[in-house]
Amino acid sequence: MEIKKIKLNNGIEIPSIGLGTWQLNGTECLHAVKKALEIGYRHIDTAEMYMNEQEIGNVIKIFPRRELFITSKVWSENLDYYGVLASLEETLAKLETYYLDLYLIHWPDKNVNYEEVLKAFKILYENGKIKAFGVSNFTINYLKAIIPICKKFKLPLTVNQVEFHPLLYQKELLDFCNENNIAIIAYCPLARGKVSENEILKQIAQKYNKTSAQISLK
């Protein structure tokens, strides 16, 4: 399976389709990640909050690391300078890798000192512990708050990972991210299975001899 790649604003290439591992744990996680890699997936997305980094580490270590794109996220409770640094080290240990391709702030928090948080991400980026920095679940207002700090630290803000699909089309957020050269990573792109029940998507799928899921992903 050939999966095309998209170049982020810092030059790093990310596979356009990846495996999200939220709610995957134990043996189920091991089997799902292994199968995904066997059929051609190369982007695996996890987070410290998912509590499955250990299982994913057990699988990815048998594949050439340079061929993989691994994403993880720091949880809200660890959003301070030392918390980010410690969380990354713990994530790397569990995943049994020396670096992450993409490291995200999992959720925004108005009470966080983003100067201190992004200073930690900058160190990780400069030291090669992370190849790209991004955020997840950030609204336009939160993005506006951190973009100047990212520019100050010369830390490229590469992606914003949000729920995005035909049933939740966040056009204003998409336009803002496009204007600022921030890629959108869509999670739940099949709306947790609801796209297969949507009559409009069914009609479009039938017209092009595809499935509703394929139309939604496209």
N, C-alpha and C. Protein backbone atom coordinates (compact mmCIF):
# COMPACT_ATOMS: atom_id res chain seq x y z
N MET A 1 0.86 -1.20 0.00
CA MET A 1 0.00 0.00 0.00
C MET A 1 0.89 1.24 0.00
N GLU A 2 0.76 2.04 -1.04
CA GLU A 2 1.55 3.27 -1.16
C GLU A 2 0.76 4.44 -0.57
N ILE A 3 1.32 5.07 0.44
CA ILE A 3 0.66 6.22 1.08
C ILE A 3 1.48 7.47 0.79
N LYS A 4 0.85 8.44 0.14
CA LYS A 4 1.60 9.65 -0.20
C LYS A 4 1.92 10.46 1.05
N LYS A 5 2.95 11.28 0.94
CA LYS A 5 3.39 12.10 2.06
C LYS A 5 3.12 13.57 1.80
N ILE A 6 2.97 14.31 2.88
CA ILE A 6 2.73 15.75 2.81
C ILE A 6 3.88 16.44 3.55
N LYS A 7 4.42 17.49 2.94
CA LYS A 7 5.54 18.20 3.55
C LYS A 7 5.02 19.27 4.51
N LEU A 8 5.49 19.22 5.75
CA LEU A 8 5.11 20.22 6.75
C LEU A 8 5.97 21.47 6.58
N ASN A 9 5.62 22.52 7.32
CA ASN A 9 6.29 23.81 7.10
C ASN A 9 7.75 23.86 7.55
N ASN A 10 8.22 22.79 8.19
CA ASN A 10 9.65 22.74 8.55
C ASN A 10 10.41 21.74 7.67
N GLY A 11 9.72 21.26 6.62
CA GLY A 11 10.38 20.36 5.68
C GLY A 11 10.20 18.88 5.96
N ILE A 12 9.68 18.54 7.14
CA ILE A 12 9.45 17.14 7.49
C ILE A 12 8.26 16.60 6.71
N GLU A 13 8.36 15.38 6.23
CA GLU A 13 7.26 14.76 5.48
C GLU A 13 6.48 13.81 6.37
N ILE A 14 5.15 13.93 6.32
CA ILE A 14 4.27 13.10 7.14
C ILE A 14 3.35 12.29 6.22
N PRO A 15 3.20 10.99 6.47
CA PRO A 15 2.26 10.19 5.69
C PRO A 15 0.85 10.75 5.82
N SER A 16 0.13 10.81 4.71
CA SER A 16 -1.20 11.45 4.70
C SER A 16 -2.25 10.63 5.45
N ILE A 17 -2.00 9.35 5.66
CA ILE A 17 -2.92 8.51 6.43
C ILE A 17 -2.14 7.82 7.54
N GLY A 18 -2.70 7.80 8.74
CA GLY A 18 -2.03 7.15 9.86
C GLY A 18 -3.02 6.36 10.69
N LEU A 19 -2.49 5.59 11.61
CA LEU A 19 -3.34 4.81 12.52
C LEU A 19 -3.42 5.51 13.87
N GLY A 20 -4.62 5.95 14.24
CA GLY A 20 -4.85 6.50 15.57
C GLY A 20 -5.07 5.36 16.54
N THR A 21 -4.52 5.46 17.75
CA THR A 21 -4.58 4.34 18.70
C THR A 21 -5.36 4.65 19.97
N TRP A 22 -6.16 5.70 19.95
CA TRP A 22 -7.01 6.00 21.11
C TRP A 22 -7.92 4.82 21.39
N GLN A 23 -7.99 4.41 22.65
CA GLN A 23 -8.82 3.30 23.12
C GLN A 23 -8.28 1.93 22.71
N LEU A 24 -7.09 1.88 22.15
CA LEU A 24 -6.44 0.60 21.85
C LEU A 24 -5.46 0.28 22.96
N ASN A 25 -5.63 -0.86 23.60
CA ASN A 25 -4.74 -1.24 24.69
C ASN A 25 -4.46 -2.74 24.66
N GLY A 26 -3.42 -3.13 25.36
CA GLY A 26 -3.10 -4.54 25.51
C GLY A 26 -2.88 -5.28 24.20
N THR A 27 -3.35 -6.53 24.17
CA THR A 27 -3.17 -7.38 23.00
C THR A 27 -3.84 -6.80 21.76
N GLU A 28 -4.99 -6.17 21.94
CA GLU A 28 -5.70 -5.56 20.81
C GLU A 28 -4.84 -4.49 20.15
N CYS A 29 -4.16 -3.70 20.95
CA CYS A 29 -3.27 -2.65 20.43
C CYS A 29 -2.09 -3.27 19.69
N LEU A 30 -1.47 -4.27 20.29
CA LEU A 30 -0.35 -4.95 19.66
C LEU A 30 -0.71 -5.48 18.27
N HIS A 31 -1.84 -6.18 18.20
CA HIS A 31 -2.26 -6.79 16.94
C HIS A 31 -2.63 -5.73 15.90
N ALA A 32 -3.33 -4.67 16.33
CA ALA A 32 -3.77 -3.63 15.39
C ALA A 32 -2.58 -2.88 14.78
N VAL A 33 -1.63 -2.50 15.63
CA VAL A 33 -0.46 -1.76 15.15
C VAL A 33 0.40 -2.64 14.24
N LYS A 34 0.59 -3.89 14.64
CA LYS A 34 1.39 -4.82 13.83
C LYS A 34 0.75 -5.03 12.46
N LYS A 35 -0.56 -5.23 12.45
CA LYS A 35 -1.27 -5.45 11.18
C LYS A 35 -1.20 -4.21 10.30
N ALA A 36 -1.38 -3.04 10.92
CA ALA A 36 -1.33 -1.78 10.16
C ALA A 36 0.03 -1.61 9.47
N LEU A 37 1.10 -1.89 10.21
CA LEU A 37 2.43 -1.74 9.64
C LEU A 37 2.68 -2.78 8.55
N GLU A 38 2.14 -3.96 8.73
CA GLU A 38 2.33 -5.02 7.73
C GLU A 38 1.65 -4.69 6.40
N ILE A 39 0.52 -3.99 6.46
CA ILE A 39 -0.20 -3.69 5.21
C ILE A 39 0.22 -2.35 4.60
N GLY A 40 1.15 -1.65 5.25
CA GLY A 40 1.68 -0.44 4.62
C GLY A 40 1.58 0.86 5.39
N TYR A 41 0.85 0.89 6.51
CA TYR A 41 0.83 2.09 7.34
C TYR A 41 2.24 2.37 7.85
N ARG A 42 2.59 3.65 7.93
CA ARG A 42 3.87 4.03 8.50
C ARG A 42 3.73 5.11 9.57
N HIS A 43 2.58 5.73 9.66
CA HIS A 43 2.32 6.76 10.67
C HIS A 43 1.47 6.15 11.78
N ILE A 44 2.02 6.11 12.99
CA ILE A 44 1.31 5.62 14.16
C ILE A 44 1.16 6.77 15.15
N ASP A 45 -0.06 7.03 15.57
CA ASP A 45 -0.36 8.16 16.46
C ASP A 45 -0.77 7.64 17.83
N THR A 46 -0.07 8.11 18.87
CA THR A 46 -0.39 7.72 20.23
C THR A 46 -0.33 8.95 21.13
N ALA A 47 -0.40 8.75 22.44
CA ALA A 47 -0.33 9.85 23.41
C ALA A 47 -0.07 9.23 24.78
N GLU A 48 0.56 10.00 25.65
CA GLU A 48 0.82 9.43 26.98
C GLU A 48 -0.49 9.13 27.70
N MET A 49 -1.55 9.88 27.40
CA MET A 49 -2.84 9.65 28.04
C MET A 49 -3.51 8.36 27.55
N TYR A 50 -3.10 7.86 26.38
CA TYR A 50 -3.72 6.63 25.86
C TYR A 50 -3.26 5.39 26.62
N MET A 51 -2.16 5.51 27.34
CA MET A 51 -1.62 4.39 28.13
C MET A 51 -1.32 3.16 27.26
N ASN A 52 -0.82 3.40 26.05
CA ASN A 52 -0.50 2.26 25.19
C ASN A 52 0.87 2.40 24.51
N GLU A 53 1.67 3.36 24.96
CA GLU A 53 2.97 3.58 24.33
C GLU A 53 3.89 2.36 24.48
N GLN A 54 3.76 1.66 25.60
CA GLN A 54 4.59 0.48 25.82
C GLN A 54 4.29 -0.60 24.78
N GLU A 55 3.00 -0.86 24.54
CA GLU A 55 2.61 -1.86 23.55
C GLU A 55 3.09 -1.47 22.15
N ILE A 56 2.92 -0.20 21.82
CA ILE A 56 3.34 0.27 20.50
C ILE A 56 4.85 0.14 20.35
N GLY A 57 5.59 0.44 21.41
CA GLY A 57 7.04 0.28 21.39
C GLY A 57 7.46 -1.14 21.12
N ASN A 58 6.73 -2.09 21.67
CA ASN A 58 7.04 -3.50 21.46
C ASN A 58 6.88 -3.91 20.00
N VAL A 59 5.98 -3.23 19.28
CA VAL A 59 5.74 -3.57 17.88
C VAL A 59 6.71 -2.83 16.95
N ILE A 60 6.85 -1.53 17.15
CA ILE A 60 7.63 -0.75 16.17
C ILE A 60 9.12 -1.07 16.20
N LYS A 61 9.60 -1.67 17.30
CA LYS A 61 11.04 -1.96 17.37
C LYS A 61 11.47 -3.03 16.38
N ILE A 62 10.51 -3.78 15.82
CA ILE A 62 10.88 -4.81 14.84
C ILE A 62 10.81 -4.28 13.40
N PHE A 63 10.46 -2.99 13.25
CA PHE A 63 10.43 -2.36 11.94
C PHE A 63 11.53 -1.31 11.85
N PRO A 64 12.08 -1.06 10.67
CA PRO A 64 13.12 -0.02 10.53
C PRO A 64 12.59 1.33 10.98
N ARG A 65 13.24 1.92 11.98
CA ARG A 65 12.73 3.17 12.57
C ARG A 65 12.66 4.30 11.56
N ARG A 66 13.64 4.38 10.66
CA ARG A 66 13.67 5.49 9.71
C ARG A 66 12.48 5.47 8.74
N GLU A 67 11.81 4.32 8.63
CA GLU A 67 10.66 4.22 7.74
C GLU A 67 9.35 4.63 8.43
N LEU A 68 9.41 4.79 9.75
CA LEU A 68 8.19 5.07 10.52
C LEU A 68 8.05 6.55 10.84
N PHE A 69 6.80 6.96 11.06
CA PHE A 69 6.49 8.31 11.53
C PHE A 69 5.67 8.15 12.80
N ILE A 70 6.27 8.47 13.94
CA ILE A 70 5.62 8.25 15.23
C ILE A 70 5.24 9.58 15.87
N THR A 71 3.97 9.70 16.21
CA THR A 71 3.43 10.89 16.87
C THR A 71 3.00 10.55 18.29
N SER A 72 3.31 11.41 19.24
CA SER A 72 2.74 11.28 20.58
C SER A 72 2.40 12.67 21.11
N LYS A 73 1.77 12.69 22.28
CA LYS A 73 1.25 13.95 22.82
C LYS A 73 1.50 14.03 24.32
N VAL A 74 1.81 15.23 24.78
CA VAL A 74 1.99 15.46 26.21
C VAL A 74 0.65 15.85 26.81
N TRP A 75 0.32 15.26 27.95
CA TRP A 75 -0.98 15.48 28.59
C TRP A 75 -0.99 16.79 29.37
N SER A 76 -2.18 17.30 29.59
CA SER A 76 -2.38 18.62 30.19
C SER A 76 -1.68 18.78 31.54
N GLU A 77 -1.70 17.74 32.35
CA GLU A 77 -1.12 17.82 33.69
C GLU A 77 0.39 18.08 33.66
N ASN A 78 1.02 17.82 32.53
CA ASN A 78 2.47 17.97 32.43
C ASN A 78 2.89 19.18 31.61
N LEU A 79 1.97 20.13 31.44
CA LEU A 79 2.27 21.30 30.62
C LEU A 79 2.98 22.40 31.41
N ASP A 80 4.22 22.11 31.76
CA ASP A 80 5.15 23.12 32.27
C ASP A 80 6.53 22.74 31.76
N TYR A 81 7.50 23.58 31.97
CA TYR A 81 8.83 23.38 31.38
C TYR A 81 9.40 22.00 31.68
N TYR A 82 9.49 21.67 32.97
CA TYR A 82 10.09 20.39 33.35
C TYR A 82 9.16 19.22 33.05
N GLY A 83 7.86 19.47 33.11
CA GLY A 83 6.89 18.42 32.83
C GLY A 83 6.99 17.93 31.40
N VAL A 84 7.15 18.85 30.46
CA VAL A 84 7.27 18.49 29.04
C VAL A 84 8.53 17.67 28.82
N LEU A 85 9.65 18.12 29.38
CA LEU A 85 10.91 17.40 29.20
C LEU A 85 10.83 15.99 29.78
N ALA A 86 10.25 15.87 30.98
CA ALA A 86 10.15 14.56 31.64
C ALA A 86 9.18 13.64 30.89
N SER A 87 8.08 14.20 30.42
CA SER A 87 7.09 13.40 29.69
C SER A 87 7.67 12.83 28.41
N LEU A 88 8.45 13.65 27.71
CA LEU A 88 9.06 13.18 26.46
C LEU A 88 10.03 12.03 26.74
N GLU A 89 10.83 12.15 27.77
CA GLU A 89 11.78 11.08 28.09
C GLU A 89 11.05 9.79 28.42
N GLU A 90 9.95 9.89 29.16
CA GLU A 90 9.17 8.70 29.52
C GLU A 90 8.53 8.08 28.28
N THR A 91 8.02 8.94 27.39
CA THR A 91 7.42 8.46 26.14
C THR A 91 8.45 7.75 25.29
N LEU A 92 9.64 8.33 25.15
CA LEU A 92 10.70 7.71 24.36
C LEU A 92 11.10 6.35 24.93
N ALA A 93 11.16 6.27 26.25
CA ALA A 93 11.53 5.00 26.90
C ALA A 93 10.48 3.92 26.62
N LYS A 94 9.21 4.30 26.72
CA LYS A 94 8.14 3.32 26.48
C LYS A 94 8.08 2.89 25.02
N LEU A 95 8.32 3.84 24.13
CA LEU A 95 8.27 3.53 22.70
C LEU A 95 9.58 2.90 22.21
N GLU A 96 10.59 2.89 23.08
CA GLU A 96 11.90 2.33 22.74
C GLU A 96 12.47 2.96 21.48
N THR A 97 12.46 4.29 21.46
CA THR A 97 13.01 5.04 20.33
C THR A 97 13.79 6.24 20.86
N TYR A 98 14.64 6.79 20.02
CA TYR A 98 15.47 7.92 20.44
C TYR A 98 14.83 9.26 20.13
N TYR A 99 13.79 9.24 19.31
CA TYR A 99 13.17 10.51 18.92
C TYR A 99 11.72 10.27 18.51
N LEU A 100 10.95 11.36 18.48
CA LEU A 100 9.59 11.35 17.93
C LEU A 100 9.61 12.15 16.64
N ASP A 101 8.82 11.72 15.68
CA ASP A 101 8.70 12.51 14.46
C ASP A 101 7.82 13.73 14.68
N LEU A 102 6.84 13.60 15.58
CA LEU A 102 5.93 14.70 15.87
C LEU A 102 5.48 14.61 17.33
N TYR A 103 5.60 15.73 18.04
CA TYR A 103 5.18 15.78 19.44
C TYR A 103 4.18 16.92 19.60
N LEU A 104 3.02 16.60 20.17
CA LEU A 104 1.92 17.56 20.24
C LEU A 104 1.56 17.92 21.68
N ILE A 105 1.06 19.14 21.86
CA ILE A 105 0.33 19.49 23.08
C ILE A 105 -1.07 18.93 22.90
N HIS A 106 -1.48 18.03 23.78
CA HIS A 106 -2.72 17.28 23.57
C HIS A 106 -3.98 18.15 23.62
N TRP A 107 -4.04 19.02 24.62
CA TRP A 107 -5.20 19.92 24.77
C TRP A 107 -4.72 21.29 25.23
N PRO A 108 -5.37 22.35 24.78
CA PRO A 108 -4.99 23.69 25.26
C PRO A 108 -5.49 23.91 26.69
N ASP A 109 -4.86 24.84 27.38
CA ASP A 109 -5.25 25.17 28.75
C ASP A 109 -4.95 26.65 28.98
N LYS A 110 -5.97 27.42 29.30
CA LYS A 110 -5.80 28.87 29.46
C LYS A 110 -4.92 29.23 30.65
N ASN A 111 -4.73 28.28 31.57
CA ASN A 111 -3.93 28.56 32.76
C ASN A 111 -2.45 28.21 32.60
N VAL A 112 -2.09 27.74 31.42
CA VAL A 112 -0.71 27.31 31.19
C VAL A 112 0.17 28.49 30.78
N ASN A 113 1.41 28.48 31.24
CA ASN A 113 2.40 29.47 30.81
C ASN A 113 3.07 28.93 29.55
N TYR A 114 2.57 29.35 28.39
CA TYR A 114 3.06 28.79 27.13
C TYR A 114 4.49 29.21 26.81
N GLU A 115 4.94 30.31 27.38
CA GLU A 115 6.35 30.69 27.20
C GLU A 115 7.25 29.57 27.72
N GLU A 116 6.95 29.08 28.92
CA GLU A 116 7.76 28.04 29.53
C GLU A 116 7.59 26.70 28.80
N VAL A 117 6.36 26.39 28.41
CA VAL A 117 6.07 25.13 27.71
C VAL A 117 6.80 25.09 26.37
N LEU A 118 6.68 26.16 25.60
CA LEU A 118 7.29 26.18 24.27
C LEU A 118 8.81 26.27 24.34
N LYS A 119 9.31 26.82 25.43
CA LYS A 119 10.77 26.83 25.62
C LYS A 119 11.29 25.40 25.73
N ALA A 120 10.51 24.55 26.41
CA ALA A 120 10.89 23.13 26.53
C ALA A 120 10.81 22.43 25.18
N PHE A 121 9.75 22.70 24.43
CA PHE A 121 9.61 22.09 23.09
C PHE A 121 10.75 22.54 22.18
N LYS A 122 11.17 23.79 22.32
CA LYS A 122 12.27 24.31 21.50
C LYS A 122 13.56 23.55 21.78
N ILE A 123 13.82 23.27 23.04
CA ILE A 123 15.01 22.50 23.41
C ILE A 123 14.95 21.10 22.81
N LEU A 124 13.80 20.46 22.92
CA LEU A 124 13.63 19.11 22.36
C LEU A 124 13.82 19.13 20.85
N TYR A 125 13.32 20.17 20.21
CA TYR A 125 13.42 20.31 18.76
C TYR A 125 14.88 20.53 18.34
N GLU A 126 15.56 21.41 19.04
CA GLU A 126 16.95 21.71 18.71
C GLU A 126 17.87 20.51 18.94
N ASN A 127 17.52 19.70 19.96
CA ASN A 127 18.35 18.54 20.30
C ASN A 127 18.01 17.31 19.46
N GLY A 128 17.04 17.44 18.58
CA GLY A 128 16.68 16.31 17.72
C GLY A 128 15.84 15.25 18.39
N LYS A 129 15.35 15.54 19.60
CA LYS A 129 14.48 14.57 20.28
C LYS A 129 13.11 14.52 19.61
N ILE A 130 12.71 15.63 18.99
CA ILE A 130 11.47 15.67 18.21
C ILE A 130 11.80 16.31 16.86
N LYS A 131 11.23 15.76 15.80
CA LYS A 131 11.47 16.29 14.46
C LYS A 131 10.49 17.41 14.10
N ALA A 132 9.34 17.43 14.77
CA ALA A 132 8.35 18.48 14.51
C ALA A 132 7.50 18.69 15.75
N PHE A 133 7.02 19.93 15.91
CA PHE A 133 6.17 20.31 17.04
C PHE A 133 4.79 20.70 16.51
N GLY A 134 3.76 20.32 17.27
CA GLY A 134 2.41 20.71 16.89
C GLY A 134 1.48 20.73 18.10
N VAL A 135 0.22 20.99 17.82
CA VAL A 135 -0.79 21.05 18.87
C VAL A 135 -2.00 20.20 18.46
N SER A 136 -2.87 20.00 19.42
CA SER A 136 -4.08 19.23 19.16
C SER A 136 -5.26 19.90 19.87
N ASN A 137 -6.39 19.93 19.20
CA ASN A 137 -7.63 20.49 19.77
C ASN A 137 -7.54 21.99 20.06
N PHE A 138 -6.70 22.71 19.32
CA PHE A 138 -6.55 24.15 19.53
C PHE A 138 -7.55 24.91 18.66
N THR A 139 -8.28 25.81 19.28
CA THR A 139 -9.17 26.71 18.56
C THR A 139 -8.36 27.85 17.96
N ILE A 140 -9.01 28.69 17.16
CA ILE A 140 -8.32 29.82 16.56
C ILE A 140 -7.73 30.74 17.63
N ASN A 141 -8.49 31.00 18.68
CA ASN A 141 -7.99 31.90 19.73
C ASN A 141 -6.75 31.34 20.41
N TYR A 142 -6.74 30.05 20.68
CA TYR A 142 -5.55 29.45 21.29
C TYR A 142 -4.36 29.49 20.33
N LEU A 143 -4.63 29.28 19.04
CA LEU A 143 -3.56 29.36 18.05
C LEU A 143 -2.97 30.77 18.00
N LYS A 144 -3.86 31.76 18.02
CA LYS A 144 -3.40 33.15 18.00
C LYS A 144 -2.53 33.47 19.20
N ALA A 145 -2.80 32.80 20.31
CA ALA A 145 -2.03 33.07 21.53
C ALA A 145 -0.62 32.49 21.46
N ILE A 146 -0.46 31.34 20.78
CA ILE A 146 0.87 30.72 20.80
C ILE A 146 1.71 30.99 19.55
N ILE A 147 1.09 31.42 18.46
CA ILE A 147 1.85 31.68 17.24
C ILE A 147 2.97 32.71 17.47
N PRO A 148 2.70 33.84 18.15
CA PRO A 148 3.79 34.80 18.40
C PRO A 148 4.93 34.22 19.23
N ILE A 149 4.59 33.33 20.17
CA ILE A 149 5.62 32.71 21.01
C ILE A 149 6.47 31.76 20.17
N CYS A 150 5.80 31.00 19.30
CA CYS A 150 6.52 30.10 18.40
C CYS A 150 7.48 30.88 17.51
N LYS A 151 7.03 32.03 17.01
CA LYS A 151 7.88 32.86 16.16
C LYS A 151 9.06 33.41 16.96
N LYS A 152 8.79 33.79 18.19
CA LYS A 152 9.85 34.32 19.06
C LYS A 152 10.95 33.29 19.27
N PHE A 153 10.56 32.03 19.50
CA PHE A 153 11.52 30.96 19.73
C PHE A 153 12.01 30.30 18.44
N LYS A 154 11.48 30.78 17.30
CA LYS A 154 11.81 30.16 16.01
C LYS A 154 11.53 28.66 16.05
N LEU A 155 10.35 28.33 16.60
CA LEU A 155 9.87 26.95 16.70
C LEU A 155 8.71 26.78 15.74
N PRO A 156 8.88 26.09 14.62
CA PRO A 156 7.80 25.94 13.66
C PRO A 156 6.59 25.21 14.27
N LEU A 157 5.42 25.84 14.17
CA LEU A 157 4.17 25.19 14.57
C LEU A 157 3.62 24.49 13.34
N THR A 158 3.82 23.18 13.27
CA THR A 158 3.58 22.47 12.01
C THR A 158 2.15 22.00 11.81
N VAL A 159 1.49 21.54 12.90
CA VAL A 159 0.16 20.94 12.72
C VAL A 159 -0.78 21.30 13.87
N ASN A 160 -2.08 21.18 13.57
CA ASN A 160 -3.12 21.24 14.58
C ASN A 160 -4.00 20.01 14.35
N GLN A 161 -3.98 19.09 15.29
CA GLN A 161 -4.77 17.86 15.14
C GLN A 161 -6.13 18.06 15.81
N VAL A 162 -7.18 18.00 15.01
CA VAL A 162 -8.53 18.23 15.52
C VAL A 162 -9.50 17.23 14.89
N GLU A 163 -10.67 17.09 15.50
CA GLU A 163 -11.71 16.27 14.88
C GLU A 163 -12.19 16.98 13.62
N PHE A 164 -12.19 16.26 12.52
CA PHE A 164 -12.52 16.90 11.25
C PHE A 164 -13.04 15.83 10.29
N HIS A 165 -14.24 16.04 9.78
CA HIS A 165 -14.85 15.11 8.83
C HIS A 165 -16.06 15.80 8.21
N PRO A 166 -16.71 15.21 7.21
CA PRO A 166 -17.84 15.88 6.55
C PRO A 166 -18.97 16.29 7.50
N LEU A 167 -19.09 15.61 8.63
CA LEU A 167 -20.16 15.95 9.58
C LEU A 167 -19.71 16.97 10.62
N LEU A 168 -18.43 17.30 10.61
CA LEU A 168 -17.89 18.36 11.48
C LEU A 168 -16.83 19.10 10.68
N TYR A 169 -17.30 19.91 9.75
CA TYR A 169 -16.41 20.61 8.82
C TYR A 169 -16.07 21.98 9.40
N GLN A 170 -14.89 22.07 10.01
CA GLN A 170 -14.49 23.30 10.69
C GLN A 170 -13.79 24.24 9.70
N LYS A 171 -14.57 24.83 8.84
CA LYS A 171 -14.02 25.63 7.74
C LYS A 171 -13.23 26.84 8.23
N GLU A 172 -13.75 27.55 9.21
CA GLU A 172 -13.06 28.75 9.71
C GLU A 172 -11.69 28.38 10.28
N LEU A 173 -11.65 27.29 11.03
CA LEU A 173 -10.38 26.83 11.60
C LEU A 173 -9.44 26.37 10.48
N LEU A 174 -9.97 25.65 9.50
CA LEU A 174 -9.17 25.20 8.37
C LEU A 174 -8.57 26.38 7.61
N ASP A 175 -9.39 27.39 7.34
CA ASP A 175 -8.91 28.57 6.62
C ASP A 175 -7.81 29.28 7.39
N PHE A 176 -8.00 29.40 8.72
CA PHE A 176 -6.99 30.07 9.55
C PHE A 176 -5.67 29.30 9.52
N CYS A 177 -5.76 27.99 9.64
CA CYS A 177 -4.54 27.17 9.62
C CYS A 177 -3.85 27.25 8.26
N ASN A 178 -4.64 27.23 7.20
CA ASN A 178 -4.06 27.35 5.86
C ASN A 178 -3.34 28.69 5.69
N GLU A 179 -3.95 29.75 6.20
CA GLU A 179 -3.35 31.09 6.10
C GLU A 179 -2.02 31.18 6.85
N ASN A 180 -1.89 30.35 7.90
CA ASN A 180 -0.68 30.38 8.73
C ASN A 180 0.24 29.18 8.48
N ASN A 181 -0.03 28.49 7.37
CA ASN A 181 0.82 27.35 6.97
C ASN A 181 0.91 26.29 8.05
N ILE A 182 -0.21 26.03 8.71
CA ILE A 182 -0.31 24.98 9.72
C ILE A 182 -1.18 23.87 9.14
N ALA A 183 -0.65 22.67 9.08
CA ALA A 183 -1.41 21.55 8.51
C ALA A 183 -2.46 21.06 9.51
N ILE A 184 -3.62 20.71 9.00
CA ILE A 184 -4.66 20.08 9.82
C ILE A 184 -4.50 18.57 9.74
N ILE A 185 -4.41 17.91 10.90
CA ILE A 185 -4.49 16.46 10.96
C ILE A 185 -5.88 16.12 11.49
N ALA A 186 -6.64 15.38 10.70
CA ALA A 186 -8.01 15.06 11.08
C ALA A 186 -8.06 13.78 11.90
N TYR A 187 -8.58 13.88 13.14
CA TYR A 187 -8.86 12.64 13.86
C TYR A 187 -10.34 12.34 13.78
N CYS A 188 -10.69 11.08 13.98
CA CYS A 188 -12.06 10.59 13.78
C CYS A 188 -12.57 11.00 12.39
N PRO A 189 -11.78 10.79 11.33
CA PRO A 189 -12.20 11.22 9.99
C PRO A 189 -13.43 10.48 9.45
N LEU A 190 -13.80 9.40 10.12
CA LEU A 190 -15.02 8.66 9.73
C LEU A 190 -16.16 8.94 10.70
N ALA A 191 -15.99 9.96 11.54
CA ALA A 191 -17.02 10.37 12.50
C ALA A 191 -17.48 9.19 13.36
N ARG A 192 -16.50 8.38 13.78
CA ARG A 192 -16.78 7.20 14.61
C ARG A 192 -17.81 6.28 13.94
N GLY A 193 -17.69 6.16 12.63
CA GLY A 193 -18.55 5.26 11.87
C GLY A 193 -19.81 5.89 11.31
N LYS A 194 -20.11 7.12 11.71
CA LYS A 194 -21.38 7.74 11.30
C LYS A 194 -21.41 8.11 9.82
N VAL A 195 -20.24 8.25 9.19
CA VAL A 195 -20.25 8.62 7.76
C VAL A 195 -20.92 7.54 6.91
N SER A 196 -20.86 6.29 7.39
CA SER A 196 -21.45 5.19 6.62
C SER A 196 -22.97 5.22 6.66
N GLU A 197 -23.53 6.01 7.59
CA GLU A 197 -24.99 6.10 7.72
C GLU A 197 -25.55 7.35 7.05
N ASN A 198 -24.66 8.22 6.58
CA ASN A 198 -25.11 9.49 6.01
C ASN A 198 -25.58 9.30 4.58
N GLU A 199 -26.82 9.72 4.30
CA GLU A 199 -27.44 9.47 3.00
C GLU A 199 -26.72 10.22 1.87
N ILE A 200 -26.30 11.45 2.13
CA ILE A 200 -25.60 12.22 1.09
C ILE A 200 -24.29 11.55 0.71
N LEU A 201 -23.54 11.12 1.73
CA LEU A 201 -22.27 10.44 1.47
C LEU A 201 -22.50 9.11 0.75
N LYS A 202 -23.60 8.45 1.10
CA LYS A 202 -23.93 7.19 0.42
C LYS A 202 -24.17 7.42 -1.07
N GLN A 203 -24.88 8.49 -1.37
CA GLN A 203 -25.18 8.82 -2.77
C GLN A 203 -23.91 9.16 -3.55
N ILE A 204 -23.04 9.95 -2.92
CA ILE A 204 -21.77 10.31 -3.58
C ILE A 204 -20.92 9.06 -3.79
N ALA A 205 -20.89 8.20 -2.78
CA ALA A 205 -20.10 6.97 -2.87
C ALA A 205 -20.61 6.07 -4.00
N GLN A 206 -21.92 5.98 -4.10
CA GLN A 206 -22.51 5.14 -5.15
C GLN A 206 -22.18 5.69 -6.54
N LYS A 207 -22.21 7.01 -6.67
CA LYS A 207 -21.92 7.66 -7.95
C LYS A 207 -20.50 7.34 -8.43
N TYR A 208 -19.56 7.31 -7.50
CA TYR A 208 -18.16 7.11 -7.86
C TYR A 208 -17.67 5.68 -7.59
N ASN A 209 -18.60 4.80 -7.26
CA ASN A 209 -18.27 3.40 -7.00
C ASN A 209 -17.23 3.27 -5.88
N LYS A 210 -17.46 4.03 -4.82
CA LYS A 210 -16.58 4.01 -3.65
C LYS A 210 -17.43 3.75 -2.41
N THR A 211 -16.79 3.68 -1.26
CA THR A 211 -17.53 3.58 0.00
C THR A 211 -17.66 4.97 0.61
N SER A 212 -18.58 5.11 1.54
CA SER A 212 -18.74 6.39 2.26
C SER A 212 -17.45 6.75 3.01
N ALA A 213 -16.77 5.74 3.52
CA ALA A 213 -15.53 5.97 4.24
C ALA A 213 -14.46 6.53 3.29
N GLN A 214 -14.38 5.98 2.09
CA GLN A 214 -13.39 6.48 1.13
C GLN A 214 -13.68 7.93 0.74
N ILE A 215 -14.94 8.24 0.57
CA ILE A 215 -15.33 9.63 0.22
C ILE A 215 -14.97 10.57 1.36
N SER A 216 -15.24 10.15 2.59
CA SER A 216 -14.95 10.98 3.75
C SER A 216 -13.44 11.24 3.89
N LEU A 217 -12.63 10.20 3.70
CA LEU A 217 -11.19 10.36 3.81
C LEU A 217 -10.64 11.25 2.71
N LYS A 218 -11.19 11.11 1.51
CA LYS A 218 -10.72 11.91 0.38
C LYS A 218 -11.02 13.39 0.61
